[in-house]
C-alpha atoms as a PDB file:
ATOM      1  CA  UNK A   1     -21.520 -17.419-138.930  1.00  0.00           C
ATOM      2  CA  UNK A   2     -20.341 -19.887-136.280  1.00  0.00           C
ATOM      3  CA  UNK A   3     -17.048 -18.053-135.987  1.00  0.00           C
ATOM      4  CA  UNK A   4     -18.864 -14.759-135.428  1.00  0.00           C
ATOM      5  CA  UNK A   5     -21.080 -16.323-132.748  1.00  0.00           C
ATOM      6  CA  UNK A   6     -18.064 -17.786-130.945  1.00  0.00           C
ATOM      7  CA  UNK A   7     -16.350 -14.400-131.079  1.00  0.00           C
ATOM      8  CA  UNK A   8     -19.475 -12.729-129.765  1.00  0.00           C
ATOM      9  CA  UNK A   9     -19.799 -15.216-126.887  1.00  0.00           C
ATOM     10  CA  UNK A  10     -16.127 -14.828-126.054  1.00  0.00           C
ATOM     11  CA  UNK A  11     -16.452 -11.032-126.068  1.00  0.00           C
ATOM     12  CA  UNK A  12     -19.485 -11.122-123.804  1.00  0.00           C
ATOM     13  CA  UNK A  13     -17.735 -13.552-121.494  1.00  0.00           C
ATOM     14  CA  UNK A  14     -14.667 -11.342-121.326  1.00  0.00           C
ATOM     15  CA  UNK A  15     -16.799  -8.319-120.527  1.00  0.00           C
ATOM     16  CA  UNK A  16     -18.484 -10.320-117.759  1.00  0.00           C
ATOM     17  CA  UNK A  17     -15.150 -11.350-116.262  1.00  0.00           C
ATOM     18  CA  UNK A  18     -13.871  -7.772-116.438  1.00  0.00           C
ATOM     19  CA  UNK A  19     -17.072  -6.558-114.804  1.00  0.00           C
ATOM     20  CA  UNK A  20     -16.583  -9.013-111.942  1.00  0.00           C
ATOM     21  CA  UNK A  21     -12.967  -7.891-111.562  1.00  0.00           C
ATOM     22  CA  UNK A  22     -14.056  -4.227-111.495  1.00  0.00           C
ATOM     23  CA  UNK A  23     -16.774  -4.918-108.935  1.00  0.00           C
ATOM     24  CA  UNK A  24     -14.431  -6.949-106.776  1.00  0.00           C
ATOM     25  CA  UNK A  25     -11.808  -4.215-107.082  1.00  0.00           C
ATOM     26  CA  UNK A  26     -14.286  -1.548-106.086  1.00  0.00           C
ATOM     27  CA  UNK A  27     -15.422  -3.679-103.193  1.00  0.00           C
ATOM     28  CA  UNK A  28     -11.848  -4.102-102.041  1.00  0.00           C
ATOM     29  CA  UNK A  29     -11.275  -0.362-102.263  1.00  0.00           C
ATOM     30  CA  UNK A  30     -14.416   0.241-100.237  1.00  0.00           C
ATOM     31  CA  UNK A  31     -13.282  -2.245 -97.626  1.00  0.00           C
ATOM     32  CA  UNK A  32      -9.807  -0.676 -97.599  1.00  0.00           C
ATOM     33  CA  UNK A  33     -11.341   2.778 -97.129  1.00  0.00           C
ATOM     34  CA  UNK A  34     -13.514   1.545 -94.278  1.00  0.00           C
ATOM     35  CA  UNK A  35     -10.536  -0.145 -92.677  1.00  0.00           C
ATOM     36  CA  UNK A  36      -8.468   3.023 -93.027  1.00  0.00           C
ATOM     37  CA  UNK A  37     -11.286   5.141 -91.639  1.00  0.00           C
ATOM     38  CA  UNK A  38     -11.676   2.835 -88.636  1.00  0.00           C
ATOM     39  CA  UNK A  39      -8.013   3.472 -87.814  1.00  0.00           C
ATOM     40  CA  UNK A  40      -8.428   7.177 -87.282  1.00  0.00           C
ATOM     41  CA  UNK A  41      -8.288   8.492 -83.701  1.00  0.00           C
ATOM     42  CA  UNK A  42      -9.766  11.955 -83.077  1.00  0.00           C
ATOM     43  CA  UNK A  43      -8.672  14.078 -80.100  1.00  0.00           C
ATOM     44  CA  UNK A  44      -9.729  17.605 -79.144  1.00  0.00           C
ATOM     45  CA  UNK A  45      -9.976  19.772 -76.056  1.00  0.00           C
ATOM     46  CA  UNK A  46      -7.542  21.622 -73.808  1.00  0.00           C
ATOM     47  CA  UNK A  47      -4.810  23.753 -75.342  1.00  0.00           C
ATOM     48  CA  UNK A  48      -2.794  23.067 -72.188  1.00  0.00           C
ATOM     49  CA  UNK A  49      -2.895  19.287 -72.690  1.00  0.00           C
ATOM     50  CA  UNK A  50      -2.465  19.657 -76.465  1.00  0.00           C
ATOM     51  CA  UNK A  51       1.384  19.620 -76.461  1.00  0.00           C
ATOM     52  CA  UNK A  52       1.392  16.306 -74.574  1.00  0.00           C
ATOM     53  CA  UNK A  53      -1.200  14.605 -76.775  1.00  0.00           C
ATOM     54  CA  UNK A  54       0.416  15.968 -79.931  1.00  0.00           C
ATOM     55  CA  UNK A  55       3.836  14.611 -78.916  1.00  0.00           C
ATOM     56  CA  UNK A  56       2.406  11.225 -77.919  1.00  0.00           C
ATOM     57  CA  UNK A  57       0.379  11.026 -81.151  1.00  0.00           C
ATOM     58  CA  UNK A  58       3.428  11.809 -83.279  1.00  0.00           C
ATOM     59  CA  UNK A  59       5.524   9.047 -81.706  1.00  0.00           C
ATOM     60  CA  UNK A  60       2.636   6.573 -81.702  1.00  0.00           C
ATOM     61  CA  UNK A  61       2.048   7.090 -85.433  1.00  0.00           C
ATOM     62  CA  UNK A  62       5.722   6.394 -86.172  1.00  0.00           C
ATOM     63  CA  UNK A  63       5.326   2.981 -84.568  1.00  0.00           C
ATOM     64  CA  UNK A  64       1.815   2.347 -85.930  1.00  0.00           C
ATOM     65  CA  UNK A  65       1.839   3.699 -89.460  1.00  0.00           C
ATOM     66  CA  UNK A  66      -1.630   2.375 -90.270  1.00  0.00           C
ATOM     67  CA  UNK A  67      -3.194   4.684 -87.680  1.00  0.00           C
ATOM     68  CA  UNK A  68      -3.877   8.408 -88.099  1.00  0.00           C
ATOM     69  CA  UNK A  69      -4.220  10.443 -84.905  1.00  0.00           C
ATOM     70  CA  UNK A  70      -5.610  13.971 -85.259  1.00  0.00           C
ATOM     71  CA  UNK A  71      -5.116  16.334 -82.312  1.00  0.00           C
ATOM     72  CA  UNK A  72      -6.838  19.736 -82.125  1.00  0.00           C
ATOM     73  CA  UNK A  73      -7.619  22.220 -79.369  1.00  0.00           C
ATOM     74  CA  UNK A  74     -10.838  24.121 -78.845  1.00  0.00           C
ATOM     75  CA  UNK A  75     -10.528  24.466 -75.077  1.00  0.00           C
ATOM     76  CA  UNK A  76     -11.589  21.986 -72.415  1.00  0.00           C
ATOM     77  CA  UNK A  77     -15.224  23.068 -72.566  1.00  0.00           C
ATOM     78  CA  UNK A  78     -15.338  23.160 -76.358  1.00  0.00           C
ATOM     79  CA  UNK A  79     -13.679  19.766 -76.427  1.00  0.00           C
ATOM     80  CA  UNK A  80     -16.256  18.288 -74.072  1.00  0.00           C
ATOM     81  CA  UNK A  81     -19.022  19.561 -76.369  1.00  0.00           C
ATOM     82  CA  UNK A  82     -17.513  17.587 -79.257  1.00  0.00           C
ATOM     83  CA  UNK A  83     -16.811  14.581 -77.034  1.00  0.00           C
ATOM     84  CA  UNK A  84     -20.421  14.493 -75.825  1.00  0.00           C
ATOM     85  CA  UNK A  85     -21.636  14.823 -79.431  1.00  0.00           C
ATOM     86  CA  UNK A  86     -19.579  11.690 -80.208  1.00  0.00           C
ATOM     87  CA  UNK A  87     -17.387  13.634 -82.627  1.00  0.00           C
ATOM     88  CA  UNK A  88     -14.161  12.665 -80.847  1.00  0.00           C
ATOM     89  CA  UNK A  89     -12.680   9.571 -79.218  1.00  0.00           C
ATOM     90  CA  UNK A  90     -10.656  11.405 -76.579  1.00  0.00           C
ATOM     91  CA  UNK A  91     -11.019  14.777 -74.858  1.00  0.00           C
ATOM     92  CA  UNK A  92      -7.994  16.566 -73.427  1.00  0.00           C
ATOM     93  CA  UNK A  93      -8.962  18.396 -70.238  1.00  0.00           C
ATOM     94  CA  UNK A  94      -7.181  20.768 -67.869  1.00  0.00           C
ATOM     95  CA  UNK A  95      -9.936  20.330 -65.279  1.00  0.00           C
ATOM     96  CA  UNK A  96     -12.249  17.508 -64.180  1.00  0.00           C
ATOM     97  CA  UNK A  97     -15.548  17.057 -66.004  1.00  0.00           C
ATOM     98  CA  UNK A  98     -18.289  19.383 -64.707  1.00  0.00           C
ATOM     99  CA  UNK A  99     -21.596  18.151 -63.275  1.00  0.00           C
ATOM    100  CA  UNK A 100     -23.561  19.516 -66.239  1.00  0.00           C
ATOM    101  CA  UNK A 101     -21.213  17.723 -68.662  1.00  0.00           C
ATOM    102  CA  UNK A 102     -21.511  14.518 -66.664  1.00  0.00           C
ATOM    103  CA  UNK A 103     -25.308  14.757 -66.802  1.00  0.00           C
ATOM    104  CA  UNK A 104     -25.234  15.264 -70.561  1.00  0.00           C
ATOM    105  CA  UNK A 105     -22.965  12.226 -70.928  1.00  0.00           C
ATOM    106  CA  UNK A 106     -25.527  10.183 -69.016  1.00  0.00           C
ATOM    107  CA  UNK A 107     -28.390  11.618 -71.071  1.00  0.00           C
ATOM    108  CA  UNK A 108     -26.785  10.719 -74.410  1.00  0.00           C
ATOM    109  CA  UNK A 109     -25.496   7.361 -73.213  1.00  0.00           C
ATOM    110  CA  UNK A 110     -21.763   8.052 -73.250  1.00  0.00           C
ATOM    111  CA  UNK A 111     -19.693   6.062 -70.805  1.00  0.00           C
ATOM    112  CA  UNK A 112     -16.074   7.111 -70.394  1.00  0.00           C
ATOM    113  CA  UNK A 113     -12.870   6.591 -68.465  1.00  0.00           C
ATOM    114  CA  UNK A 114     -10.957   9.473 -66.867  1.00  0.00           C
ATOM    115  CA  UNK A 115      -7.167   9.251 -66.860  1.00  0.00           C
ATOM    116  CA  UNK A 116      -4.963  11.682 -64.958  1.00  0.00           C
ATOM    117  CA  UNK A 117      -1.818  12.087 -67.047  1.00  0.00           C
ATOM    118  CA  UNK A 118       0.365  14.881 -65.625  1.00  0.00           C
ATOM    119  CA  UNK A 119       0.691  17.895 -63.340  1.00  0.00           C
ATOM    120  CA  UNK A 120       0.780  21.479 -64.543  1.00  0.00           C
ATOM    121  CA  UNK A 121       1.587  24.726 -62.770  1.00  0.00           C
ATOM    122  CA  UNK A 122      -0.607  27.459 -64.169  1.00  0.00           C
ATOM    123  CA  UNK A 123       1.880  30.280 -64.729  1.00  0.00           C
ATOM    124  CA  UNK A 124       1.484  34.029 -64.340  1.00  0.00           C
ATOM    125  CA  UNK A 125       3.855  35.799 -66.733  1.00  0.00           C
ATOM    126  CA  UNK A 126       5.010  39.275 -67.710  1.00  0.00           C
ATOM    127  CA  UNK A 127       7.154  40.663 -70.483  1.00  0.00           C
ATOM    128  CA  UNK A 128      10.844  39.732 -70.401  1.00  0.00           C
ATOM    129  CA  UNK A 129      11.790  43.422 -70.066  1.00  0.00           C
ATOM    130  CA  UNK A 130       9.596  43.963 -67.015  1.00  0.00           C
ATOM    131  CA  UNK A 131      12.110  44.925 -64.299  1.00  0.00           C
ATOM    132  CA  UNK A 132       9.814  45.763 -61.389  1.00  0.00           C
ATOM    133  CA  UNK A 133       7.455  42.823 -60.780  1.00  0.00           C
ATOM    134  CA  UNK A 134       9.292  40.565 -58.319  1.00  0.00           C
ATOM    135  CA  UNK A 135       6.254  38.537 -57.198  1.00  0.00           C
ATOM    136  CA  UNK A 136       2.486  38.802 -56.816  1.00  0.00           C
ATOM    137  CA  UNK A 137       0.268  37.745 -53.930  1.00  0.00           C
ATOM    138  CA  UNK A 138      -3.050  35.946 -54.334  1.00  0.00           C
ATOM    139  CA  UNK A 139      -4.729  39.109 -53.047  1.00  0.00           C
ATOM    140  CA  UNK A 140      -3.013  41.203 -55.711  1.00  0.00           C
ATOM    141  CA  UNK A 141      -3.996  38.757 -58.451  1.00  0.00           C
ATOM    142  CA  UNK A 142      -7.581  38.962 -57.241  1.00  0.00           C
ATOM    143  CA  UNK A 143      -7.395  42.773 -57.191  1.00  0.00           C
ATOM    144  CA  UNK A 144      -6.227  42.756 -60.812  1.00  0.00           C
ATOM    145  CA  UNK A 145      -8.494  40.060 -62.255  1.00  0.00           C
ATOM    146  CA  UNK A 146     -11.741  40.211 -60.269  1.00  0.00           C
ATOM    147  CA  UNK A 147     -14.960  41.310 -62.013  1.00  0.00           C
ATOM    148  CA  UNK A 148     -15.302  45.096 -62.211  1.00  0.00           C
ATOM    149  CA  UNK A 149     -11.695  45.572 -61.091  1.00  0.00           C
ATOM    150  CA  UNK A 150     -10.575  49.185 -60.747  1.00  0.00           C
ATOM    151  CA  UNK A 151      -6.959  48.327 -61.518  1.00  0.00           C
ATOM    152  CA  UNK A 152      -5.894  50.155 -64.648  1.00  0.00           C
ATOM    153  CA  UNK A 153      -2.166  50.689 -64.086  1.00  0.00           C
ATOM    154  CA  UNK A 154       0.626  48.878 -62.284  1.00  0.00           C
ATOM    155  CA  UNK A 155       0.643  51.681 -59.710  1.00  0.00           C
ATOM    156  CA  UNK A 156      -2.903  50.618 -58.785  1.00  0.00           C
ATOM    157  CA  UNK A 157      -1.458  47.291 -57.646  1.00  0.00           C
ATOM    158  CA  UNK A 158       1.512  48.615 -55.661  1.00  0.00           C
ATOM    159  CA  UNK A 159       2.250  52.263 -54.974  1.00  0.00           C
ATOM    160  CA  UNK A 160       5.938  51.946 -55.912  1.00  0.00           C
ATOM    161  CA  UNK A 161       5.228  50.445 -59.330  1.00  0.00           C
ATOM    162  CA  UNK A 162       4.973  52.649 -62.474  1.00  0.00           C
ATOM    163  CA  UNK A 163       1.751  54.376 -63.487  1.00  0.00           C
ATOM    164  CA  UNK A 164       1.756  52.440 -66.774  1.00  0.00           C
ATOM    165  CA  UNK A 165      -1.430  50.760 -68.042  1.00  0.00           C
ATOM    166  CA  UNK A 166      -1.596  46.977 -67.624  1.00  0.00           C
ATOM    167  CA  UNK A 167      -2.445  45.104 -70.815  1.00  0.00           C
ATOM    168  CA  UNK A 168      -4.033  41.823 -69.754  1.00  0.00           C
ATOM    169  CA  UNK A 169      -4.025  38.492 -71.617  1.00  0.00           C
ATOM    170  CA  UNK A 170      -5.662  35.199 -70.708  1.00  0.00           C
ATOM    171  CA  UNK A 171      -7.564  32.154 -71.954  1.00  0.00           C
ATOM    172  CA  UNK A 172     -11.145  32.359 -73.160  1.00  0.00           C
ATOM    173  CA  UNK A 173     -14.161  30.979 -71.319  1.00  0.00           C
ATOM    174  CA  UNK A 174     -14.000  27.564 -73.040  1.00  0.00           C
ATOM    175  CA  UNK A 175     -10.635  26.935 -71.419  1.00  0.00           C
ATOM    176  CA  UNK A 176     -10.150  24.729 -68.374  1.00  0.00           C
ATOM    177  CA  UNK A 177      -7.274  27.038 -67.450  1.00  0.00           C
ATOM    178  CA  UNK A 178      -9.756  29.923 -67.376  1.00  0.00           C
ATOM    179  CA  UNK A 179     -12.091  27.956 -65.089  1.00  0.00           C
ATOM    180  CA  UNK A 180      -9.282  26.908 -62.760  1.00  0.00           C
ATOM    181  CA  UNK A 181      -7.677  30.340 -62.480  1.00  0.00           C
ATOM    182  CA  UNK A 182     -10.930  32.203 -61.882  1.00  0.00           C
ATOM    183  CA  UNK A 183     -12.083  29.698 -59.265  1.00  0.00           C
ATOM    184  CA  UNK A 184      -8.790  29.736 -57.358  1.00  0.00           C
ATOM    185  CA  UNK A 185      -8.099  33.482 -57.635  1.00  0.00           C
ATOM    186  CA  UNK A 186     -11.583  35.008 -57.774  1.00  0.00           C
ATOM    187  CA  UNK A 187     -13.517  32.368 -55.828  1.00  0.00           C
ATOM    188  CA  UNK A 188     -15.859  31.365 -58.651  1.00  0.00           C
ATOM    189  CA  UNK A 189     -15.289  29.671 -61.989  1.00  0.00           C
ATOM    190  CA  UNK A 190     -15.902  32.195 -64.758  1.00  0.00           C
ATOM    191  CA  UNK A 191     -15.742  35.278 -62.532  1.00  0.00           C
ATOM    192  CA  UNK A 192     -13.344  37.714 -64.217  1.00  0.00           C
ATOM    193  CA  UNK A 193     -13.060  41.263 -65.538  1.00  0.00           C
ATOM    194  CA  UNK A 194     -14.056  41.501 -69.185  1.00  0.00           C
ATOM    195  CA  UNK A 195     -11.540  44.047 -70.473  1.00  0.00           C
ATOM    196  CA  UNK A 196      -8.706  41.663 -71.350  1.00  0.00           C
ATOM    197  CA  UNK A 197      -7.494  39.958 -74.529  1.00  0.00           C
ATOM    198  CA  UNK A 198      -8.808  36.388 -74.516  1.00  0.00           C
ATOM    199  CA  UNK A 199      -7.810  33.481 -76.740  1.00  0.00           C
ATOM    200  CA  UNK A 200      -8.060  29.684 -76.654  1.00  0.00           C
ATOM    201  CA  UNK A 201      -4.708  29.623 -78.465  1.00  0.00           C
ATOM    202  CA  UNK A 202      -1.924  30.076 -75.919  1.00  0.00           C
ATOM    203  CA  UNK A 203       0.478  31.114 -78.674  1.00  0.00           C
ATOM    204  CA  UNK A 204      -1.655  34.213 -79.250  1.00  0.00           C
ATOM    205  CA  UNK A 205      -1.256  35.068 -75.563  1.00  0.00           C
ATOM    206  CA  UNK A 206       2.510  34.493 -75.694  1.00  0.00           C
ATOM    207  CA  UNK A 207       2.854  36.815 -78.681  1.00  0.00           C
ATOM    208  CA  UNK A 208       0.742  39.503 -77.024  1.00  0.00           C
ATOM    209  CA  UNK A 209       2.649  39.476 -73.739  1.00  0.00           C
ATOM    210  CA  UNK A 210       6.055  39.298 -75.404  1.00  0.00           C
ATOM    211  CA  UNK A 211       5.155  42.344 -77.500  1.00  0.00           C
ATOM    212  CA  UNK A 212       4.123  44.676 -74.653  1.00  0.00           C
ATOM    213  CA  UNK A 213       6.485  45.633 -71.803  1.00  0.00           C
ATOM    214  CA  UNK A 214       3.643  46.347 -69.375  1.00  0.00           C
ATOM    215  CA  UNK A 215       1.536  43.258 -70.071  1.00  0.00           C
ATOM    216  CA  UNK A 216       0.436  40.470 -67.728  1.00  0.00           C
ATOM    217  CA  UNK A 217      -1.144  37.120 -68.484  1.00  0.00           C
ATOM    218  CA  UNK A 218      -1.578  33.507 -67.439  1.00  0.00           C
ATOM    219  CA  UNK A 219      -1.506  30.055 -69.085  1.00  0.00           C
ATOM    220  CA  UNK A 220       0.001  26.587 -68.653  1.00  0.00           C
ATOM    221  CA  UNK A 221       3.581  26.113 -67.456  1.00  0.00           C
ATOM    222  CA  UNK A 222       4.687  24.396 -70.675  1.00  0.00           C
ATOM    223  CA  UNK A 223       4.010  27.508 -72.742  1.00  0.00           C
ATOM    224  CA  UNK A 224       6.192  29.529 -70.397  1.00  0.00           C
ATOM    225  CA  UNK A 225       9.002  26.946 -70.671  1.00  0.00           C
ATOM    226  CA  UNK A 226       8.713  26.965 -74.448  1.00  0.00           C
ATOM    227  CA  UNK A 227       8.950  30.782 -74.516  1.00  0.00           C
ATOM    228  CA  UNK A 228      11.114  31.582 -71.483  1.00  0.00           C
ATOM    229  CA  UNK A 229      13.514  33.523 -73.705  1.00  0.00           C
ATOM    230  CA  UNK A 230      10.866  36.236 -74.165  1.00  0.00           C
ATOM    231  CA  UNK A 231       8.729  35.909 -71.032  1.00  0.00           C
ATOM    232  CA  UNK A 232       9.311  36.268 -67.290  1.00  0.00           C
ATOM    233  CA  UNK A 233       7.447  34.011 -64.881  1.00  0.00           C
ATOM    234  CA  UNK A 234       6.096  35.647 -61.714  1.00  0.00           C
ATOM    235  CA  UNK A 235       6.520  33.878 -58.348  1.00  0.00           C
ATOM    236  CA  UNK A 236       3.242  33.658 -56.438  1.00  0.00           C
ATOM    237  CA  UNK A 237       2.881  34.234 -52.683  1.00  0.00           C
ATOM    238  CA  UNK A 238      -0.115  32.397 -51.252  1.00  0.00           C
ATOM    239  CA  UNK A 239       0.921  33.110 -47.655  1.00  0.00           C
ATOM    240  CA  UNK A 240       4.183  31.215 -47.288  1.00  0.00           C
ATOM    241  CA  UNK A 241       6.442  33.438 -49.348  1.00  0.00           C
ATOM    242  CA  UNK A 242       6.876  33.742 -53.127  1.00  0.00           C
ATOM    243  CA  UNK A 243       7.101  30.383 -54.944  1.00  0.00           C
ATOM    244  CA  UNK A 244       8.131  30.029 -58.589  1.00  0.00           C
ATOM    245  CA  UNK A 245       6.631  27.202 -60.649  1.00  0.00           C
ATOM    246  CA  UNK A 246       9.075  24.437 -61.558  1.00  0.00           C
ATOM    247  CA  UNK A 247       8.983  20.643 -61.756  1.00  0.00           C
ATOM    248  CA  UNK A 248       9.639  20.232 -58.048  1.00  0.00           C
ATOM    249  CA  UNK A 249       7.252  22.872 -56.662  1.00  0.00           C
ATOM    250  CA  UNK A 250       4.479  21.755 -59.013  1.00  0.00           C
ATOM    251  CA  UNK A 251       4.831  18.063 -58.105  1.00  0.00           C
ATOM    252  CA  UNK A 252       5.084  18.568 -54.338  1.00  0.00           C
ATOM    253  CA  UNK A 253       2.228  21.084 -54.267  1.00  0.00           C
ATOM    254  CA  UNK A 254       4.250  23.991 -52.856  1.00  0.00           C
ATOM    255  CA  UNK A 255       3.269  26.073 -55.864  1.00  0.00           C
ATOM    256  CA  UNK A 256      -0.218  26.625 -54.538  1.00  0.00           C
ATOM    257  CA  UNK A 257      -2.953  27.187 -55.378  1.00  0.00           C
ATOM    258  CA  UNK A 258      -2.027  27.063 -59.068  1.00  0.00           C
ATOM    259  CA  UNK A 259      -0.718  23.470 -59.314  1.00  0.00           C
ATOM    260  CA  UNK A 260      -3.255  21.165 -60.928  1.00  0.00           C
ATOM    261  CA  UNK A 261      -3.656  17.750 -62.575  1.00  0.00           C
ATOM    262  CA  UNK A 262      -4.306  17.281 -66.297  1.00  0.00           C
ATOM    263  CA  UNK A 263      -6.599  14.630 -67.805  1.00  0.00           C
ATOM    264  CA  UNK A 264      -7.700  12.746 -70.868  1.00  0.00           C
ATOM    265  CA  UNK A 265     -11.265  11.413 -71.118  1.00  0.00           C
ATOM    266  CA  UNK A 266     -11.791   8.370 -73.324  1.00  0.00           C
ATOM    267  CA  UNK A 267     -15.124   7.198 -74.703  1.00  0.00           C
ATOM    268  CA  UNK A 268     -15.515   3.544 -73.636  1.00  0.00           C
ATOM    269  CA  UNK A 269     -17.125   2.718 -76.981  1.00  0.00           C
ATOM    270  CA  UNK A 270     -14.055   4.100 -78.761  1.00  0.00           C
ATOM    271  CA  UNK A 271     -11.848   2.166 -76.371  1.00  0.00           C
ATOM    272  CA  UNK A 272     -13.235  -1.049 -77.848  1.00  0.00           C
ATOM    273  CA  UNK A 273     -11.432  -0.199 -81.087  1.00  0.00           C
ATOM    274  CA  UNK A 274      -7.991  -1.859 -81.023  1.00  0.00           C
ATOM    275  CA  UNK A 275      -6.186   1.251 -82.233  1.00  0.00           C
ATOM    276  CA  UNK A 276      -7.706   3.492 -79.533  1.00  0.00           C
ATOM    277  CA  UNK A 277      -7.043   0.908 -76.842  1.00  0.00           C
ATOM    278  CA  UNK A 278      -3.450   0.587 -77.975  1.00  0.00           C
ATOM    279  CA  UNK A 279      -3.005   4.372 -78.136  1.00  0.00           C
ATOM    280  CA  UNK A 280      -4.272   4.951 -74.588  1.00  0.00           C
ATOM    281  CA  UNK A 281      -2.016   2.193 -73.231  1.00  0.00           C
ATOM    282  CA  UNK A 282       0.900   3.748 -75.114  1.00  0.00           C
ATOM    283  CA  UNK A 283      -0.015   7.168 -73.666  1.00  0.00           C
ATOM    284  CA  UNK A 284       0.238   5.801 -70.101  1.00  0.00           C
ATOM    285  CA  UNK A 285       3.447   3.815 -70.678  1.00  0.00           C
ATOM    286  CA  UNK A 286       6.009   4.839 -73.307  1.00  0.00           C
ATOM    287  CA  UNK A 287       4.149   8.054 -74.118  1.00  0.00           C
ATOM    288  CA  UNK A 288       4.352   9.403 -70.578  1.00  0.00           C
ATOM    289  CA  UNK A 289       8.114   9.768 -71.004  1.00  0.00           C
ATOM    290  CA  UNK A 290       7.388  12.691 -73.349  1.00  0.00           C
ATOM    291  CA  UNK A 291       5.567  14.650 -70.633  1.00  0.00           C
ATOM    292  CA  UNK A 292       8.665  16.254 -69.130  1.00  0.00           C
ATOM    293  CA  UNK A 293      10.073  16.946 -72.604  1.00  0.00           C
ATOM    294  CA  UNK A 294       7.146  19.248 -73.404  1.00  0.00           C
ATOM    295  CA  UNK A 295       7.290  21.073 -70.062  1.00  0.00           C
ATOM    296  CA  UNK A 296       4.967  19.212 -67.700  1.00  0.00           C
ATOM    297  CA  UNK A 297       5.457  17.025 -64.625  1.00  0.00           C
ATOM    298  CA  UNK A 298       4.897  13.266 -64.617  1.00  0.00           C
ATOM    299  CA  UNK A 299       2.808  11.472 -62.017  1.00  0.00           C
ATOM    300  CA  UNK A 300       4.335   8.836 -59.729  1.00  0.00           C
ATOM    301  CA  UNK A 301       4.641   5.506 -61.598  1.00  0.00           C
ATOM    302  CA  UNK A 302       2.108   3.865 -59.268  1.00  0.00           C
ATOM    303  CA  UNK A 303      -0.612   6.218 -60.512  1.00  0.00           C
ATOM    304  CA  UNK A 304      -0.045   5.213 -64.133  1.00  0.00           C
ATOM    305  CA  UNK A 305      -0.010   1.540 -63.126  1.00  0.00           C
ATOM    306  CA  UNK A 306      -3.295   1.867 -61.242  1.00  0.00           C
ATOM    307  CA  UNK A 307      -4.964   3.581 -64.187  1.00  0.00           C
ATOM    308  CA  UNK A 308      -3.714   0.951 -66.640  1.00  0.00           C
ATOM    309  CA  UNK A 309      -5.392  -1.698 -64.512  1.00  0.00           C
ATOM    310  CA  UNK A 310      -8.747   0.030 -65.160  1.00  0.00           C
ATOM    311  CA  UNK A 311      -8.420  -0.958 -68.814  1.00  0.00           C
ATOM    312  CA  UNK A 312      -8.036  -4.671 -68.132  1.00  0.00           C
END
């Protein structure tokens, strides 16, 4: 009887110890999961800035294997919607924040830092086999792209060009590239003809233009560089003769009016997290060396230095 009681006590004790171990183990797993979750950085926004952020994120993760950086693109405007809903830590933007977005940030209590990261030359492109478009003027671009445009064929642009229909491709309305192009070419952000193929995914535009000899479109310079074997960039004449986008003309501003800065916006609350803070500093130091590799133009070093000082 005594032996049975001892065995029973021992069994109950063992079960208790195992229970404690299980609970402790579960607690540790929960803590590990929370720790892992806290080391996730979420980025969305501009498809133009996407190649830079994706490249920086890839290299950063190699050096910081405990951190997961997700980079998506839903357009600058779509990205700001997620940023202002506190769904992301960083928003990639190919234009500055709009007044209505700034007001919403104030309304929902989001404080942020704006970092200029690179220059881009918004590129007008045609099919590689197009053998007649030598350049386009700002006036001709406006004639083609303005709301209710009557341009249907290339001959409608210049008399000596073929009477072949123009198939147009461009970013959708959530894109900062869309806003910038329409403001500079048509005088108002969002003002554009509606009969064109629109997509927030620049690869869709590349495929469309490369598949149609008489097509015309526009997107960021990096996507032209990445696909220059199947696309032809069009020099733009804004009054001083045709200028082709390249690293030099984009940086010195001669490629006007389609040279522009690119940005990332960082939630200050997110910036308090060590991994986000470290990522942004990496972006503006080692990471910036990737900018030219993916087809964009770096800022002068002093501009990166000045922006880094804002984080101190």
